[in-house]
Structure formats: structure tokens, C-alpha cells
Amino acid sequence: MKKIIVIAALVAGMGSMGSAMAAGDAAAGKVKAAVCAACHGANGISVNAMWPNLAGQKADYIIKQLKAFKAGTRKDPLMSPQAAQLSDQDIENVAAHFSSLK
């Protein structure tokens, strides 16, 4: 029984460690993400099927995609120039903001 409790505590601790390390500043991200509302909606819910909803999306996924747009490994005529303007910290903050939305 002790072994199960120890394992459960370790797993719970590892889960919170991972999210803390990847977390940006959601408040700063909200400010930076104001321009995103034009396509992705004010609350991260797009009104156009061409653009994905970002509300509740995993932060790591958003970070990966924005960095790919910025690096040019993923191309889109609208997103590539937007991502090019973001610093790595901005990207983490924007990801934290959208992932915090329901």
C-alpha cells in the first residue's frame, strides 16, 4: 500500500513540474494576443471555419506551431508574418493565455 501511495505522489509531482516549466505569463499573453482576435476570436473561438479555435489548446502545441511559423518550417501567408514579430517569451505567454481559456 505504501508503494502505491509513493508512486501516486511521484506521478502527481511530475505532472505539476512539467506544466510549471512550460508555463508562460497568461496575463502578458492576453495583451500580446489582442491581434489574434481578428481571426481566432476574442476568446479564442473562431467565427470562421478556416481558422482554428485556440481556447483550451495545449500550450506546448501552440508554442510548437508558432515557432514553426516563425522559423518558416510551417508556412501560411497570414500566420507567418504574425509569428515573425513574436519573441520566444511572447510565444510562451500567448500559449499560456490561450491554453488557460475554456
PDB file of N, CA and C in Angstrom:
ATOM      1  N   MET A   1       0.830  -1.188   0.000  1.00  0.00           N
ATOM      2  CA  MET A   1       0.000   0.000   0.000  1.00  0.00           C
ATOM      3  C   MET A   1       0.875   1.252   0.000  1.00  0.00           C
ATOM      4  N   LYS A   2       1.960   1.234   0.807  1.00  0.00           N
ATOM      5  CA  LYS A   2       2.860   2.387   0.839  1.00  0.00           C
ATOM      6  C   LYS A   2       3.453   2.657  -0.532  1.00  0.00           C
ATOM      7  N   LYS A   3       3.773   1.585  -1.237  1.00  0.00           N
ATOM      8  CA  LYS A   3       4.379   1.709  -2.559  1.00  0.00           C
ATOM      9  C   LYS A   3       3.436   2.437  -3.519  1.00  0.00           C
ATOM     10  N   ILE A   4       2.166   2.121  -3.462  1.00  0.00           N
ATOM     11  CA  ILE A   4       1.171   2.755  -4.328  1.00  0.00           C
ATOM     12  C   ILE A   4       1.067   4.243  -4.007  1.00  0.00           C
ATOM     13  N   ILE A   5       1.060   4.592  -2.746  1.00  0.00           N
ATOM     14  CA  ILE A   5       0.965   5.995  -2.338  1.00  0.00           C
ATOM     15  C   ILE A   5       2.195   6.771  -2.810  1.00  0.00           C
ATOM     16  N   VAL A   6       3.364   6.194  -2.657  1.00  0.00           N
ATOM     17  CA  VAL A   6       4.601   6.851  -3.091  1.00  0.00           C
ATOM     18  C   VAL A   6       4.589   7.056  -4.602  1.00  0.00           C
ATOM     19  N   ILE A   7       4.191   6.041  -5.358  1.00  0.00           N
ATOM     20  CA  ILE A   7       4.141   6.143  -6.822  1.00  0.00           C
ATOM     21  C   ILE A   7       3.139   7.213  -7.235  1.00  0.00           C
ATOM     22  N   ALA A   8       1.977   7.230  -6.611  1.00  0.00           N
ATOM     23  CA  ALA A   8       0.959   8.233  -6.934  1.00  0.00           C
ATOM     24  C   ALA A   8       1.472   9.643  -6.649  1.00  0.00           C
ATOM     25  N   ALA A   9       2.174   9.824  -5.535  1.00  0.00           N
ATOM     26  CA  ALA A   9       2.729  11.134  -5.195  1.00  0.00           C
ATOM     27  C   ALA A   9       3.785  11.566  -6.203  1.00  0.00           C
ATOM     28  N   LEU A  10       4.623  10.636  -6.631  1.00  0.00           N
ATOM     29  CA  LEU A  10       5.644  10.955  -7.630  1.00  0.00           C
ATOM     30  C   LEU A  10       5.027  11.356  -8.962  1.00  0.00           C
ATOM     31  N   VAL A  11       4.025  10.607  -9.401  1.00  0.00           N
ATOM     32  CA  VAL A  11       3.365  10.915 -10.669  1.00  0.00           C
ATOM     33  C   VAL A  11       2.686  12.279 -10.589  1.00  0.00           C
ATOM     34  N   ALA A  12       2.005  12.568  -9.511  1.00  0.00           N
ATOM     35  CA  ALA A  12       1.348  13.865  -9.341  1.00  0.00           C
ATOM     36  C   ALA A  12       2.366  14.991  -9.338  1.00  0.00           C
ATOM     37  N   GLY A  13       3.463  14.800  -8.678  1.00  0.00           N
ATOM     38  CA  GLY A  13       4.513  15.819  -8.630  1.00  0.00           C
ATOM     39  C   GLY A  13       5.140  16.062  -9.977  1.00  0.00           C
ATOM     40  N   MET A  14       5.353  15.009 -10.751  1.00  0.00           N
ATOM     41  CA  MET A  14       5.937  15.153 -12.078  1.00  0.00           C
ATOM     42  C   MET A  14       4.993  15.907 -13.002  1.00  0.00           C
ATOM     43  N   GLY A  15       3.717  15.669 -12.891  1.00  0.00           N
ATOM     44  CA  GLY A  15       2.746  16.369 -13.727  1.00  0.00           C
ATOM     45  C   GLY A  15       2.732  17.852 -13.460  1.00  0.00           C
ATOM     46  N   SER A  16       2.808  18.248 -12.211  1.00  0.00           N
ATOM     47  CA  SER A  16       2.790  19.676 -11.906  1.00  0.00           C
ATOM     48  C   SER A  16       4.114  20.327 -12.260  1.00  0.00           C
ATOM     49  N   MET A  17       5.218  19.583 -12.174  1.00  0.00           N
ATOM     50  CA  MET A  17       6.512  20.123 -12.556  1.00  0.00           C
ATOM     51  C   MET A  17       6.548  20.432 -14.038  1.00  0.00           C
ATOM     52  N   GLY A  18       6.030  19.543 -14.849  1.00  0.00           N
ATOM     53  CA  GLY A  18       6.047  19.728 -16.291  1.00  0.00           C
ATOM     54  C   GLY A  18       5.262  20.944 -16.714  1.00  0.00           C
ATOM     55  N   SER A  19       4.094  21.170 -16.144  1.00  0.00           N
ATOM     56  CA  SER A  19       3.302  22.320 -16.539  1.00  0.00           C
ATOM     57  C   SER A  19       3.904  23.615 -16.020  1.00  0.00           C
ATOM     58  N   ALA A  20       4.565  23.577 -14.878  1.00  0.00           N
ATOM     59  CA  ALA A  20       5.175  24.797 -14.353  1.00  0.00           C
ATOM     60  C   ALA A  20       6.356  25.222 -15.207  1.00  0.00           C
ATOM     61  N   MET A  21       7.114  24.261 -15.726  1.00  0.00           N
ATOM     62  CA  MET A  21       8.279  24.599 -16.525  1.00  0.00           C
ATOM     63  C   MET A  21       7.877  25.175 -17.881  1.00  0.00           C
ATOM     64  N   ALA A  22       6.762  24.742 -18.437  1.00  0.00           N
ATOM     65  CA  ALA A  22       6.359  25.173 -19.763  1.00  0.00           C
ATOM     66  C   ALA A  22       5.457  26.402 -19.726  1.00  0.00           C
ATOM     67  N   ALA A  23       5.102  26.876 -18.550  1.00  0.00           N
ATOM     68  CA  ALA A  23       4.117  27.941 -18.430  1.00  0.00           C
ATOM     69  C   ALA A  23       4.708  29.307 -18.731  1.00  0.00           C
ATOM     70  N   GLY A  24       3.961  30.086 -19.511  1.00  0.00           N
ATOM     71  CA  GLY A  24       4.283  31.482 -19.735  1.00  0.00           C
ATOM     72  C   GLY A  24       3.397  32.320 -18.840  1.00  0.00           C
ATOM     73  N   ASP A  25       3.371  33.599 -19.077  1.00  0.00           N
ATOM     74  CA  ASP A  25       2.555  34.551 -18.320  1.00  0.00           C
ATOM     75  C   ASP A  25       1.266  34.788 -19.100  1.00  0.00           C
ATOM     76  N   ALA A  26       0.166  34.210 -18.632  1.00  0.00           N
ATOM     77  CA  ALA A  26      -1.114  34.301 -19.347  1.00  0.00           C
ATOM     78  C   ALA A  26      -1.613  35.732 -19.457  1.00  0.00           C
ATOM     79  N   ALA A  27      -1.379  36.553 -18.433  1.00  0.00           N
ATOM     80  CA  ALA A  27      -1.825  37.952 -18.478  1.00  0.00           C
ATOM     81  C   ALA A  27      -1.071  38.726 -19.564  1.00  0.00           C
ATOM     82  N   ALA A  28       0.229  38.531 -19.629  1.00  0.00           N
ATOM     83  CA  ALA A  28       1.029  39.178 -20.675  1.00  0.00           C
ATOM     84  C   ALA A  28       0.631  38.624 -22.044  1.00  0.00           C
ATOM     85  N   GLY A  29       0.325  37.346 -22.091  1.00  0.00           N
ATOM     86  CA  GLY A  29      -0.097  36.726 -23.340  1.00  0.00           C
ATOM     87  C   GLY A  29      -1.422  37.260 -23.837  1.00  0.00           C
ATOM     88  N   LYS A  30      -2.317  37.580 -22.921  1.00  0.00           N
ATOM     89  CA  LYS A  30      -3.619  38.144 -23.305  1.00  0.00           C
ATOM     90  C   LYS A  30      -3.423  39.476 -24.016  1.00  0.00           C
ATOM     91  N   VAL A  31      -2.529  40.297 -23.497  1.00  0.00           N
ATOM     92  CA  VAL A  31      -2.243  41.593 -24.123  1.00  0.00           C
ATOM     93  C   VAL A  31      -1.648  41.379 -25.517  1.00  0.00           C
ATOM     94  N   LYS A  32      -0.672  40.510 -25.619  1.00  0.00           N
ATOM     95  CA  LYS A  32       0.008  40.242 -26.887  1.00  0.00           C
ATOM     96  C   LYS A  32      -0.932  39.588 -27.887  1.00  0.00           C
ATOM     97  N   ALA A  33      -1.902  38.829 -27.420  1.00  0.00           N
ATOM     98  CA  ALA A  33      -2.811  38.081 -28.289  1.00  0.00           C
ATOM     99  C   ALA A  33      -3.983  38.913 -28.800  1.00  0.00           C
ATOM    100  N   ALA A  34      -4.043  40.180 -28.457  1.00  0.00           N
ATOM    101  CA  ALA A  34      -5.158  41.018 -28.896  1.00  0.00           C
ATOM    102  C   ALA A  34      -5.298  40.994 -30.423  1.00  0.00           C
ATOM    103  N   VAL A  35      -4.196  41.002 -31.131  1.00  0.00           N
ATOM    104  CA  VAL A  35      -4.224  40.976 -32.592  1.00  0.00           C
ATOM    105  C   VAL A  35      -4.763  39.639 -33.112  1.00  0.00           C
ATOM    106  N   CYS A  36      -4.608  38.576 -32.349  1.00  0.00           N
ATOM    107  CA  CYS A  36      -5.070  37.242 -32.751  1.00  0.00           C
ATOM    108  C   CYS A  36      -6.600  37.180 -32.850  1.00  0.00           C
ATOM    109  N   ALA A  37      -7.273  38.065 -32.103  1.00  0.00           N
ATOM    110  CA  ALA A  37      -8.735  38.051 -32.047  1.00  0.00           C
ATOM    111  C   ALA A  37      -9.370  38.286 -33.415  1.00  0.00           C
ATOM    112  N   ALA A  38      -8.676  38.976 -34.303  1.00  0.00           N
ATOM    113  CA  ALA A  38      -9.237  39.256 -35.626  1.00  0.00           C
ATOM    114  C   ALA A  38      -9.628  37.963 -36.353  1.00  0.00           C
ATOM    115  N   CYS A  39      -8.839  36.923 -36.183  1.00  0.00           N
ATOM    116  CA  CYS A  39      -9.137  35.646 -36.853  1.00  0.00           C
ATOM    117  C   CYS A  39      -9.593  34.562 -35.885  1.00  0.00           C
ATOM    118  N   HIS A  40      -8.977  34.515 -34.706  1.00  0.00           N
ATOM    119  CA  HIS A  40      -9.230  33.421 -33.773  1.00  0.00           C
ATOM    120  C   HIS A  40     -10.274  33.754 -32.714  1.00  0.00           C
ATOM    121  N   GLY A  41     -10.860  34.955 -32.773  1.00  0.00           N
ATOM    122  CA  GLY A  41     -11.912  35.347 -31.852  1.00  0.00           C
ATOM    123  C   GLY A  41     -11.369  35.915 -30.554  1.00  0.00           C
ATOM    124  N   ALA A  42     -12.124  36.811 -29.945  1.00  0.00           N
ATOM    125  CA  ALA A  42     -11.699  37.498 -28.713  1.00  0.00           C
ATOM    126  C   ALA A  42     -11.441  36.523 -27.568  1.00  0.00           C
ATOM    127  N   ASN A  43     -12.173  35.422 -27.555  1.00  0.00           N
ATOM    128  CA  ASN A  43     -11.999  34.413 -26.502  1.00  0.00           C
ATOM    129  C   ASN A  43     -11.391  33.126 -27.033  1.00  0.00           C
ATOM    130  N   GLY A  44     -10.698  33.235 -28.175  1.00  0.00           N
ATOM    131  CA  GLY A  44     -10.043  32.064 -28.737  1.00  0.00           C
ATOM    132  C   GLY A  44     -10.961  31.131 -29.495  1.00  0.00           C
ATOM    133  N   ILE A  45     -12.195  31.559 -29.756  1.00  0.00           N
ATOM    134  CA  ILE A  45     -13.150  30.757 -30.515  1.00  0.00           C
ATOM    135  C   ILE A  45     -13.402  31.475 -31.839  1.00  0.00           C
ATOM    136  N   SER A  46     -12.941  30.875 -32.909  1.00  0.00           N
ATOM    137  CA  SER A  46     -13.031  31.467 -34.235  1.00  0.00           C
ATOM    138  C   SER A  46     -14.466  31.434 -34.758  1.00  0.00           C
ATOM    139  N   VAL A  47     -14.828  32.480 -35.497  1.00  0.00           N
ATOM    140  CA  VAL A  47     -16.154  32.510 -36.116  1.00  0.00           C
ATOM    141  C   VAL A  47     -16.097  31.983 -37.547  1.00  0.00           C
ATOM    142  N   ASN A  48     -14.899  31.661 -38.019  1.00  0.00           N
ATOM    143  CA  ASN A  48     -14.699  31.189 -39.385  1.00  0.00           C
ATOM    144  C   ASN A  48     -14.038  29.811 -39.332  1.00  0.00           C
ATOM    145  N   ALA A  49     -14.592  28.875 -40.053  1.00  0.00           N
ATOM    146  CA  ALA A  49     -14.059  27.506 -40.038  1.00  0.00           C
ATOM    147  C   ALA A  49     -12.642  27.406 -40.604  1.00  0.00           C
ATOM    148  N   MET A  50     -12.188  28.437 -41.315  1.00  0.00           N
ATOM    149  CA  MET A  50     -10.829  28.430 -41.878  1.00  0.00           C
ATOM    150  C   MET A  50      -9.762  28.574 -40.796  1.00  0.00           C
ATOM    151  N   TRP A  51     -10.119  29.168 -39.671  1.00  0.00           N
ATOM    152  CA  TRP A  51      -9.152  29.455 -38.615  1.00  0.00           C
ATOM    153  C   TRP A  51      -9.487  28.627 -37.380  1.00  0.00           C
ATOM    154  N   PRO A  52      -8.500  27.988 -36.784  1.00  0.00           N
ATOM    155  CA  PRO A  52      -8.777  27.101 -35.647  1.00  0.00           C
ATOM    156  C   PRO A  52      -9.112  27.856 -34.363  1.00  0.00           C
ATOM    157  N   ASN A  53      -9.876  27.186 -33.521  1.00  0.00           N
ATOM    158  CA  ASN A  53     -10.101  27.672 -32.166  1.00  0.00           C
ATOM    159  C   ASN A  53      -8.802  27.472 -31.386  1.00  0.00           C
ATOM    160  N   LEU A  54      -8.447  28.443 -30.577  1.00  0.00           N
ATOM    161  CA  LEU A  54      -7.238  28.334 -29.766  1.00  0.00           C
ATOM    162  C   LEU A  54      -7.550  28.179 -28.283  1.00  0.00           C
ATOM    163  N   ALA A  55      -8.763  28.498 -27.890  1.00  0.00           N
ATOM    164  CA  ALA A  55      -9.154  28.384 -26.485  1.00  0.00           C
ATOM    165  C   ALA A  55      -9.019  26.944 -26.024  1.00  0.00           C
ATOM    166  N   GLY A  56      -8.297  26.744 -24.934  1.00  0.00           N
ATOM    167  CA  GLY A  56      -8.142  25.418 -24.358  1.00  0.00           C
ATOM    168  C   GLY A  56      -7.119  24.546 -25.071  1.00  0.00           C
ATOM    169  N   GLN A  57      -6.505  25.059 -26.114  1.00  0.00           N
ATOM    170  CA  GLN A  57      -5.478  24.278 -26.824  1.00  0.00           C
ATOM    171  C   GLN A  57      -4.268  24.097 -25.916  1.00  0.00           C
ATOM    172  N   LYS A  58      -3.584  23.012 -26.030  1.00  0.00           N
ATOM    173  CA  LYS A  58      -2.409  22.764 -25.191  1.00  0.00           C
ATOM    174  C   LYS A  58      -1.313  23.781 -25.510  1.00  0.00           C
ATOM    175  N   ALA A  59      -0.718  24.340 -24.464  1.00  0.00           N
ATOM    176  CA  ALA A  59       0.313  25.366 -24.627  1.00  0.00           C
ATOM    177  C   ALA A  59       1.480  24.864 -25.460  1.00  0.00           C
ATOM    178  N   ASP A  60       1.930  23.644 -25.219  1.00  0.00           N
ATOM    179  CA  ASP A  60       3.065  23.109 -25.962  1.00  0.00           C
ATOM    180  C   ASP A  60       2.776  23.034 -27.463  1.00  0.00           C
ATOM    181  N   TYR A  61       1.546  22.725 -27.812  1.00  0.00           N
ATOM    182  CA  TYR A  61       1.162  22.654 -29.222  1.00  0.00           C
ATOM    183  C   TYR A  61       1.207  24.048 -29.852  1.00  0.00           C
ATOM    184  N   ILE A  62       0.645  25.036 -29.150  1.00  0.00           N
ATOM    185  CA  ILE A  62       0.651  26.408 -29.667  1.00  0.00           C
ATOM    186  C   ILE A  62       2.093  26.897 -29.834  1.00  0.00           C
ATOM    187  N   ILE A  63       2.926  26.629 -28.850  1.00  0.00           N
ATOM    188  CA  ILE A  63       4.334  27.033 -28.916  1.00  0.00           C
ATOM    189  C   ILE A  63       4.999  26.402 -30.140  1.00  0.00           C
ATOM    190  N   LYS A  64       4.798  25.116 -30.326  1.00  0.00           N
ATOM    191  CA  LYS A  64       5.411  24.408 -31.456  1.00  0.00           C
ATOM    192  C   LYS A  64       4.972  25.013 -32.788  1.00  0.00           C
ATOM    193  N   GLN A  65       3.683  25.292 -32.923  1.00  0.00           N
ATOM    194  CA  GLN A  65       3.172  25.821 -34.182  1.00  0.00           C
ATOM    195  C   GLN A  65       3.659  27.246 -34.439  1.00  0.00           C
ATOM    196  N   LEU A  66       3.628  28.104 -33.419  1.00  0.00           N
ATOM    197  CA  LEU A  66       4.098  29.477 -33.604  1.00  0.00           C
ATOM    198  C   LEU A  66       5.582  29.522 -33.943  1.00  0.00           C
ATOM    199  N   LYS A  67       6.368  28.662 -33.297  1.00  0.00           N
ATOM    200  CA  LYS A  67       7.806  28.619 -33.607  1.00  0.00           C
ATOM    201  C   LYS A  67       8.042  28.112 -35.023  1.00  0.00           C
ATOM    202  N   ALA A  68       7.224  27.181 -35.491  1.00  0.00           N
ATOM    203  CA  ALA A  68       7.351  26.672 -36.861  1.00  0.00           C
ATOM    204  C   ALA A  68       6.991  27.770 -37.873  1.00  0.00           C
ATOM    205  N   PHE A  69       5.952  28.537 -37.601  1.00  0.00           N
ATOM    206  CA  PHE A  69       5.608  29.665 -38.478  1.00  0.00           C
ATOM    207  C   PHE A  69       6.749  30.687 -38.487  1.00  0.00           C
ATOM    208  N   LYS A  70       7.271  30.972 -37.318  1.00  0.00           N
ATOM    209  CA  LYS A  70       8.355  31.958 -37.194  1.00  0.00           C
ATOM    210  C   LYS A  70       9.614  31.490 -37.932  1.00  0.00           C
ATOM    211  N   ALA A  71       9.944  30.230 -37.829  1.00  0.00           N
ATOM    212  CA  ALA A  71      11.146  29.680 -38.464  1.00  0.00           C
ATOM    213  C   ALA A  71      10.960  29.441 -39.965  1.00  0.00           C
ATOM    214  N   GLY A  72       9.719  29.431 -40.429  1.00  0.00           N
ATOM    215  CA  GLY A  72       9.450  29.189 -41.832  1.00  0.00           C
ATOM    216  C   GLY A  72       9.299  27.722 -42.192  1.00  0.00           C
ATOM    217  N   THR A  73       9.348  26.837 -41.189  1.00  0.00           N
ATOM    218  CA  THR A  73       9.155  25.415 -41.471  1.00  0.00           C
ATOM    219  C   THR A  73       7.676  25.083 -41.662  1.00  0.00           C
ATOM    220  N   ARG A  74       6.817  25.958 -41.197  1.00  0.00           N
ATOM    221  CA  ARG A  74       5.385  25.894 -41.486  1.00  0.00           C
ATOM    222  C   ARG A  74       5.037  27.239 -42.093  1.00  0.00           C
ATOM    223  N   LYS A  75       4.352  27.233 -43.213  1.00  0.00           N
ATOM    224  CA  LYS A  75       4.093  28.477 -43.932  1.00  0.00           C
ATOM    225  C   LYS A  75       2.597  28.760 -44.039  1.00  0.00           C
ATOM    226  N   ASP A  76       2.259  30.011 -43.847  1.00  0.00           N
ATOM    227  CA  ASP A  76       0.902  30.483 -44.048  1.00  0.00           C
ATOM    228  C   ASP A  76       1.016  31.992 -44.293  1.00  0.00           C
ATOM    229  N   PRO A  77       0.346  32.508 -45.318  1.00  0.00           N
ATOM    230  CA  PRO A  77       0.503  33.929 -45.639  1.00  0.00           C
ATOM    231  C   PRO A  77       0.018  34.885 -44.541  1.00  0.00           C
ATOM    232  N   LEU A  78      -0.854  34.416 -43.670  1.00  0.00           N
ATOM    233  CA  LEU A  78      -1.323  35.264 -42.566  1.00  0.00           C
ATOM    234  C   LEU A  78      -0.530  35.031 -41.289  1.00  0.00           C
ATOM    235  N   MET A  79      -0.280  33.768 -40.966  1.00  0.00           N
ATOM    236  CA  MET A  79       0.362  33.448 -39.683  1.00  0.00           C
ATOM    237  C   MET A  79       1.868  33.681 -39.666  1.00  0.00           C
ATOM    238  N   SER A  80       2.533  33.415 -40.771  1.00  0.00           N
ATOM    239  CA  SER A  80       3.995  33.555 -40.785  1.00  0.00           C
ATOM    240  C   SER A  80       4.449  34.965 -40.408  1.00  0.00           C
ATOM    241  N   PRO A  81       3.870  36.024 -41.001  1.00  0.00           N
ATOM    242  CA  PRO A  81       4.300  37.370 -40.598  1.00  0.00           C
ATOM    243  C   PRO A  81       3.911  37.721 -39.155  1.00  0.00           C
ATOM    244  N   GLN A  82       2.797  37.173 -38.688  1.00  0.00           N
ATOM    245  CA  GLN A  82       2.383  37.437 -37.297  1.00  0.00           C
ATOM    246  C   GLN A  82       3.380  36.808 -36.324  1.00  0.00           C
ATOM    247  N   ALA A  83       3.727  35.556 -36.572  1.00  0.00           N
ATOM    248  CA  ALA A  83       4.649  34.845 -35.690  1.00  0.00           C
ATOM    249  C   ALA A  83       6.048  35.449 -35.733  1.00  0.00           C
ATOM    250  N   ALA A  84       6.439  35.979 -36.888  1.00  0.00           N
ATOM    251  CA  ALA A  84       7.778  36.571 -37.034  1.00  0.00           C
ATOM    252  C   ALA A  84       7.993  37.736 -36.072  1.00  0.00           C
ATOM    253  N   GLN A  85       6.915  38.373 -35.662  1.00  0.00           N
ATOM    254  CA  GLN A  85       7.002  39.532 -34.767  1.00  0.00           C
ATOM    255  C   GLN A  85       7.110  39.143 -33.292  1.00  0.00           C
ATOM    256  N   LEU A  86       6.931  37.863 -32.977  1.00  0.00           N
ATOM    257  CA  LEU A  86       6.895  37.412 -31.587  1.00  0.00           C
ATOM    258  C   LEU A  86       8.263  36.916 -31.112  1.00  0.00           C
ATOM    259  N   SER A  87       8.629  37.312 -29.899  1.00  0.00           N
ATOM    260  CA  SER A  87       9.824  36.747 -29.267  1.00  0.00           C
ATOM    261  C   SER A  87       9.460  35.372 -28.708  1.00  0.00           C
ATOM    262  N   ASP A  88      10.460  34.604 -28.299  1.00  0.00           N
ATOM    263  CA  ASP A  88      10.179  33.304 -27.682  1.00  0.00           C
ATOM    264  C   ASP A  88       9.331  33.474 -26.424  1.00  0.00           C
ATOM    265  N   GLN A  89       9.592  34.529 -25.657  1.00  0.00           N
ATOM    266  CA  GLN A  89       8.800  34.781 -24.451  1.00  0.00           C
ATOM    267  C   GLN A  89       7.362  35.140 -24.814  1.00  0.00           C
ATOM    268  N   ASP A  90       7.182  35.961 -25.857  1.00  0.00           N
ATOM    269  CA  ASP A  90       5.830  36.290 -26.325  1.00  0.00           C
ATOM    270  C   ASP A  90       5.072  35.024 -26.695  1.00  0.00           C
ATOM    271  N   ILE A  91       5.743  34.113 -27.389  1.00  0.00           N
ATOM    272  CA  ILE A  91       5.107  32.866 -27.818  1.00  0.00           C
ATOM    273  C   ILE A  91       4.663  32.059 -26.607  1.00  0.00           C
ATOM    274  N   GLU A  92       5.509  31.940 -25.607  1.00  0.00           N
ATOM    275  CA  GLU A  92       5.131  31.204 -24.396  1.00  0.00           C
ATOM    276  C   GLU A  92       3.966  31.879 -23.682  1.00  0.00           C
ATOM    277  N   ASN A  93       3.962  33.208 -23.656  1.00  0.00           N
ATOM    278  CA  ASN A  93       2.895  33.952 -22.991  1.00  0.00           C
ATOM    279  C   ASN A  93       1.567  33.797 -23.735  1.00  0.00           C
ATOM    280  N   VAL A  94       1.602  33.913 -25.052  1.00  0.00           N
ATOM    281  CA  VAL A  94       0.387  33.744 -25.861  1.00  0.00           C
ATOM    282  C   VAL A  94      -0.161  32.327 -25.682  1.00  0.00           C
ATOM    283  N   ALA A  95       0.731  31.358 -25.683  1.00  0.00           N
ATOM    284  CA  ALA A  95       0.309  29.963 -25.478  1.00  0.00           C
ATOM    285  C   ALA A  95      -0.324  29.778 -24.106  1.00  0.00           C
ATOM    286  N   ALA A  96       0.257  30.392 -23.083  1.00  0.00           N
ATOM    287  CA  ALA A  96      -0.306  30.296 -21.729  1.00  0.00           C
ATOM    288  C   ALA A  96      -1.698  30.922 -21.688  1.00  0.00           C
ATOM    289  N   HIS A  97      -1.851  32.040 -22.370  1.00  0.00           N
ATOM    290  CA  HIS A  97      -3.168  32.709 -22.402  1.00  0.00           C
ATOM    291  C   HIS A  97      -4.223  31.814 -23.039  1.00  0.00           C
ATOM    292  N   PHE A  98      -3.965  31.367 -24.269  1.00  0.00           N
ATOM    293  CA  PHE A  98      -4.987  30.564 -24.958  1.00  0.00           C
ATOM    294  C   PHE A  98      -5.244  29.233 -24.264  1.00  0.00           C
ATOM    295  N   SER A  99      -4.233  28.625 -23.717  1.00  0.00           N
ATOM    296  CA  SER A  99      -4.449  27.338 -23.044  1.00  0.00           C
ATOM    297  C   SER A  99      -5.236  27.508 -21.739  1.00  0.00           C
ATOM    298  N   SER A 100      -5.256  28.713 -21.202  1.00  0.00           N
ATOM    299  CA  SER A 100      -5.999  28.956 -19.956  1.00  0.00           C
ATOM    300  C   SER A 100      -7.491  29.201 -20.197  1.00  0.00           C
ATOM    301  N   LEU A 101      -7.871  29.427 -21.447  1.00  0.00           N
ATOM    302  CA  LEU A 101      -9.271  29.702 -21.773  1.00  0.00           C
ATOM    303  C   LEU A 101     -10.072  28.411 -21.889  1.00  0.00           C
ATOM    304  N   LYS A 102     -11.327  28.503 -21.567  1.00  0.00           N
ATOM    305  CA  LYS A 102     -12.234  27.337 -21.680  1.00  0.00           C
ATOM    306  C   LYS A 102     -12.835  27.273 -23.065  1.00  0.00           C
TER     307      LYS A 102
END
